[in-house]
């Protein structure tokens, strides 16, 4: 694939344009990174690390603290959950009052006869969808 970059400091806003035969998963990732290049800072022990939002598997609130789960571990985020939620891409869905998950890391759903939905994530963790969020999740997944 050919690429061309033009640098113009006078541009009021940066933008990218693609001319492709097919929208591939790799190109979708590039577009997502361009559109949502936000990051947040994660804290663990005495380490502060930038976390790309696309690399976050889930965000949840426990005991008044917000945690971001990535493939490399869990990091405390020193923002409110609603503040982080405003930065999230459409790949994230709210599954409870205190948790968001990245649909790119969803492995499968387990439905119970009682109507509960367990979400199995690709990192091996299991989480549950709150009843009030089931409808939204099903709409997002198209089921």
C-alpha atoms as a PDB file:
ATOM      1  CA  UNK A   1       0.000   0.000   0.000  1.00  0.00           C
ATOM      2  CA  UNK A   2       1.320   3.426  -0.911  1.00  0.00           C
ATOM      3  CA  UNK A   3       1.187   6.227   1.600  1.00  0.00           C
ATOM      4  CA  UNK A   4       1.705   9.954   1.413  1.00  0.00           C
ATOM      5  CA  UNK A   5       2.076  12.475   4.232  1.00  0.00           C
ATOM      6  CA  UNK A   6       1.774  16.221   3.750  1.00  0.00           C
ATOM      7  CA  UNK A   7       2.775  18.455   6.640  1.00  0.00           C
ATOM      8  CA  UNK A   8       1.050  21.830   6.739  1.00  0.00           C
ATOM      9  CA  UNK A   9       1.213  23.718  10.046  1.00  0.00           C
ATOM     10  CA  UNK A  10      -1.483  26.102   8.782  1.00  0.00           C
ATOM     11  CA  UNK A  11      -4.184  23.407   8.694  1.00  0.00           C
ATOM     12  CA  UNK A  12      -6.953  24.160  11.211  1.00  0.00           C
ATOM     13  CA  UNK A  13      -7.584  20.450  11.762  1.00  0.00           C
ATOM     14  CA  UNK A  14      -5.731  17.256  10.915  1.00  0.00           C
ATOM     15  CA  UNK A  15      -7.509  14.671   8.758  1.00  0.00           C
ATOM     16  CA  UNK A  16      -6.726  11.464   6.902  1.00  0.00           C
ATOM     17  CA  UNK A  17      -8.216  10.098   3.709  1.00  0.00           C
ATOM     18  CA  UNK A  18      -7.968   6.497   2.479  1.00  0.00           C
ATOM     19  CA  UNK A  19      -8.569   5.123  -1.022  1.00  0.00           C
ATOM     20  CA  UNK A  20      -8.859   1.342  -0.744  1.00  0.00           C
ATOM     21  CA  UNK A  21     -10.370  -1.653  -2.507  1.00  0.00           C
ATOM     22  CA  UNK A  22     -11.615  -3.219   0.712  1.00  0.00           C
ATOM     23  CA  UNK A  23     -11.935  -2.232   4.365  1.00  0.00           C
ATOM     24  CA  UNK A  24      -9.763  -4.830   6.081  1.00  0.00           C
ATOM     25  CA  UNK A  25      -9.562  -5.465   9.851  1.00  0.00           C
ATOM     26  CA  UNK A  26      -6.042  -4.026   9.863  1.00  0.00           C
ATOM     27  CA  UNK A  27      -7.238  -0.825   8.210  1.00  0.00           C
ATOM     28  CA  UNK A  28     -10.154  -0.631  10.648  1.00  0.00           C
ATOM     29  CA  UNK A  29      -7.647  -0.714  13.519  1.00  0.00           C
ATOM     30  CA  UNK A  30      -5.643   2.098  11.935  1.00  0.00           C
ATOM     31  CA  UNK A  31      -8.782   4.189  11.483  1.00  0.00           C
ATOM     32  CA  UNK A  32      -9.827   3.526  15.058  1.00  0.00           C
ATOM     33  CA  UNK A  33      -6.413   4.598  16.323  1.00  0.00           C
ATOM     34  CA  UNK A  34      -6.605   7.783  14.281  1.00  0.00           C
ATOM     35  CA  UNK A  35     -10.100   8.634  15.472  1.00  0.00           C
ATOM     36  CA  UNK A  36      -9.598   7.633  19.091  1.00  0.00           C
ATOM     37  CA  UNK A  37      -5.973   8.289  19.851  1.00  0.00           C
ATOM     38  CA  UNK A  38      -6.821   9.115  23.439  1.00  0.00           C
ATOM     39  CA  UNK A  39      -4.983   7.533  26.282  1.00  0.00           C
ATOM     40  CA  UNK A  40      -5.328   7.530  30.008  1.00  0.00           C
ATOM     41  CA  UNK A  41      -2.756   7.100  32.723  1.00  0.00           C
ATOM     42  CA  UNK A  42      -2.729   3.911  34.748  1.00  0.00           C
ATOM     43  CA  UNK A  43      -1.105   3.540  38.158  1.00  0.00           C
ATOM     44  CA  UNK A  44       0.262   0.369  39.720  1.00  0.00           C
ATOM     45  CA  UNK A  45       2.576   0.524  42.729  1.00  0.00           C
ATOM     46  CA  UNK A  46       5.084   3.301  41.933  1.00  0.00           C
ATOM     47  CA  UNK A  47       4.675   3.009  38.156  1.00  0.00           C
ATOM     48  CA  UNK A  48       2.602   5.368  36.027  1.00  0.00           C
ATOM     49  CA  UNK A  49       1.954   4.060  32.521  1.00  0.00           C
ATOM     50  CA  UNK A  50       0.073   5.469  29.519  1.00  0.00           C
ATOM     51  CA  UNK A  51      -2.763   3.131  28.486  1.00  0.00           C
ATOM     52  CA  UNK A  52      -4.132   3.291  24.963  1.00  0.00           C
ATOM     53  CA  UNK A  53      -7.912   3.081  25.167  1.00  0.00           C
ATOM     54  CA  UNK A  54      -7.967   0.424  22.423  1.00  0.00           C
ATOM     55  CA  UNK A  55      -5.809  -1.835  24.608  1.00  0.00           C
ATOM     56  CA  UNK A  56      -8.178  -1.716  27.576  1.00  0.00           C
ATOM     57  CA  UNK A  57     -10.223  -4.891  28.020  1.00  0.00           C
ATOM     58  CA  UNK A  58     -12.548  -3.554  30.711  1.00  0.00           C
ATOM     59  CA  UNK A  59     -13.043  -0.639  33.070  1.00  0.00           C
ATOM     60  CA  UNK A  60     -14.688  -1.100  36.432  1.00  0.00           C
ATOM     61  CA  UNK A  61     -15.233   0.619  39.715  1.00  0.00           C
ATOM     62  CA  UNK A  62     -14.371  -1.161  42.976  1.00  0.00           C
ATOM     63  CA  UNK A  63     -14.513   0.468  46.382  1.00  0.00           C
ATOM     64  CA  UNK A  64     -14.648   3.946  44.860  1.00  0.00           C
ATOM     65  CA  UNK A  65     -11.590   3.419  42.647  1.00  0.00           C
ATOM     66  CA  UNK A  66     -11.536   2.933  38.876  1.00  0.00           C
ATOM     67  CA  UNK A  67      -9.470   0.103  37.394  1.00  0.00           C
ATOM     68  CA  UNK A  68      -8.501  -0.523  33.775  1.00  0.00           C
ATOM     69  CA  UNK A  69      -7.799  -4.162  32.885  1.00  0.00           C
ATOM     70  CA  UNK A  70      -5.354  -4.747  30.038  1.00  0.00           C
ATOM     71  CA  UNK A  71      -3.537  -7.826  28.778  1.00  0.00           C
ATOM     72  CA  UNK A  72      -0.609  -6.730  30.946  1.00  0.00           C
ATOM     73  CA  UNK A  73      -2.517  -6.337  34.197  1.00  0.00           C
ATOM     74  CA  UNK A  74      -4.827  -4.083  36.134  1.00  0.00           C
ATOM     75  CA  UNK A  75      -4.126  -0.376  36.569  1.00  0.00           C
ATOM     76  CA  UNK A  76      -5.816   2.180  38.771  1.00  0.00           C
ATOM     77  CA  UNK A  77      -7.135   5.191  36.875  1.00  0.00           C
ATOM     78  CA  UNK A  78      -7.354   8.460  38.742  1.00  0.00           C
ATOM     79  CA  UNK A  79     -10.423   9.744  36.938  1.00  0.00           C
ATOM     80  CA  UNK A  80     -14.112   9.273  37.528  1.00  0.00           C
ATOM     81  CA  UNK A  81     -15.781   6.493  35.536  1.00  0.00           C
ATOM     82  CA  UNK A  82     -18.035   8.949  33.694  1.00  0.00           C
ATOM     83  CA  UNK A  83     -14.954  10.990  32.665  1.00  0.00           C
ATOM     84  CA  UNK A  84     -13.290   7.930  31.155  1.00  0.00           C
ATOM     85  CA  UNK A  85     -16.587   6.860  29.552  1.00  0.00           C
ATOM     86  CA  UNK A  86     -16.649  10.098  27.558  1.00  0.00           C
ATOM     87  CA  UNK A  87     -13.313   9.139  25.948  1.00  0.00           C
ATOM     88  CA  UNK A  88     -14.262   5.585  25.004  1.00  0.00           C
ATOM     89  CA  UNK A  89     -14.723   4.470  21.410  1.00  0.00           C
ATOM     90  CA  UNK A  90     -17.910   2.769  20.197  1.00  0.00           C
ATOM     91  CA  UNK A  91     -16.165  -0.568  20.824  1.00  0.00           C
ATOM     92  CA  UNK A  92     -16.987  -0.190  24.519  1.00  0.00           C
ATOM     93  CA  UNK A  93     -20.367  -1.042  25.993  1.00  0.00           C
ATOM     94  CA  UNK A  94     -21.721  -0.422  29.470  1.00  0.00           C
ATOM     95  CA  UNK A  95     -22.667  -3.707  31.141  1.00  0.00           C
ATOM     96  CA  UNK A  96     -23.439  -2.417  34.629  1.00  0.00           C
ATOM     97  CA  UNK A  97     -23.517   0.754  36.652  1.00  0.00           C
ATOM     98  CA  UNK A  98     -19.819   0.311  37.372  1.00  0.00           C
ATOM     99  CA  UNK A  99     -18.355  -1.535  34.366  1.00  0.00           C
ATOM    100  CA  UNK A 100     -17.609  -1.116  30.666  1.00  0.00           C
ATOM    101  CA  UNK A 101     -16.102  -3.775  28.418  1.00  0.00           C
ATOM    102  CA  UNK A 102     -14.316  -3.579  25.088  1.00  0.00           C
ATOM    103  CA  UNK A 103     -16.292  -5.708  22.613  1.00  0.00           C
ATOM    104  CA  UNK A 104     -13.067  -6.509  20.736  1.00  0.00           C
ATOM    105  CA  UNK A 105     -12.047  -8.642  23.729  1.00  0.00           C
ATOM    106  CA  UNK A 106     -15.366 -10.488  24.070  1.00  0.00           C
ATOM    107  CA  UNK A 107     -14.924 -14.215  23.486  1.00  0.00           C
ATOM    108  CA  UNK A 108     -18.466 -15.503  24.017  1.00  0.00           C
ATOM    109  CA  UNK A 109     -21.684 -15.173  26.014  1.00  0.00           C
ATOM    110  CA  UNK A 110     -23.160 -17.746  28.357  1.00  0.00           C
ATOM    111  CA  UNK A 111     -26.917 -17.444  28.783  1.00  0.00           C
ATOM    112  CA  UNK A 112     -28.621 -18.926  31.818  1.00  0.00           C
ATOM    113  CA  UNK A 113     -32.219 -20.081  32.213  1.00  0.00           C
ATOM    114  CA  UNK A 114     -32.676 -17.367  34.869  1.00  0.00           C
ATOM    115  CA  UNK A 115     -31.987 -14.727  32.213  1.00  0.00           C
ATOM    116  CA  UNK A 116     -28.528 -13.683  33.333  1.00  0.00           C
ATOM    117  CA  UNK A 117     -25.725 -13.239  30.831  1.00  0.00           C
ATOM    118  CA  UNK A 118     -22.129 -14.101  31.653  1.00  0.00           C
ATOM    119  CA  UNK A 119     -19.513 -12.535  29.400  1.00  0.00           C
ATOM    120  CA  UNK A 120     -16.359 -14.556  28.838  1.00  0.00           C
ATOM    121  CA  UNK A 121     -13.502 -12.315  27.791  1.00  0.00           C
ATOM    122  CA  UNK A 122     -10.471 -13.348  25.752  1.00  0.00           C
ATOM    123  CA  UNK A 123      -8.176 -12.878  28.741  1.00  0.00           C
ATOM    124  CA  UNK A 124     -10.098 -15.620  30.597  1.00  0.00           C
ATOM    125  CA  UNK A 125     -12.103 -13.415  32.949  1.00  0.00           C
ATOM    126  CA  UNK A 126     -15.855 -13.666  33.409  1.00  0.00           C
ATOM    127  CA  UNK A 127     -18.177 -10.791  34.160  1.00  0.00           C
ATOM    128  CA  UNK A 128     -21.938 -10.446  34.303  1.00  0.00           C
ATOM    129  CA  UNK A 129     -24.342  -8.080  32.597  1.00  0.00           C
ATOM    130  CA  UNK A 130     -26.719  -6.145  34.830  1.00  0.00           C
ATOM    131  CA  UNK A 131     -30.401  -6.619  33.958  1.00  0.00           C
ATOM    132  CA  UNK A 132     -30.818  -2.965  33.030  1.00  0.00           C
ATOM    133  CA  UNK A 133     -27.963  -3.239  30.496  1.00  0.00           C
ATOM    134  CA  UNK A 134     -29.038  -6.467  28.768  1.00  0.00           C
ATOM    135  CA  UNK A 135     -31.182  -4.740  26.134  1.00  0.00           C
ATOM    136  CA  UNK A 136     -28.403  -2.331  25.169  1.00  0.00           C
ATOM    137  CA  UNK A 137     -25.852  -5.156  24.934  1.00  0.00           C
ATOM    138  CA  UNK A 138     -28.117  -7.264  22.735  1.00  0.00           C
ATOM    139  CA  UNK A 139     -28.744  -4.298  20.440  1.00  0.00           C
ATOM    140  CA  UNK A 140     -25.022  -3.603  20.143  1.00  0.00           C
ATOM    141  CA  UNK A 141     -24.295  -7.259  19.350  1.00  0.00           C
ATOM    142  CA  UNK A 142     -27.275  -7.606  17.013  1.00  0.00           C
ATOM    143  CA  UNK A 143     -28.828 -10.524  18.886  1.00  0.00           C
END
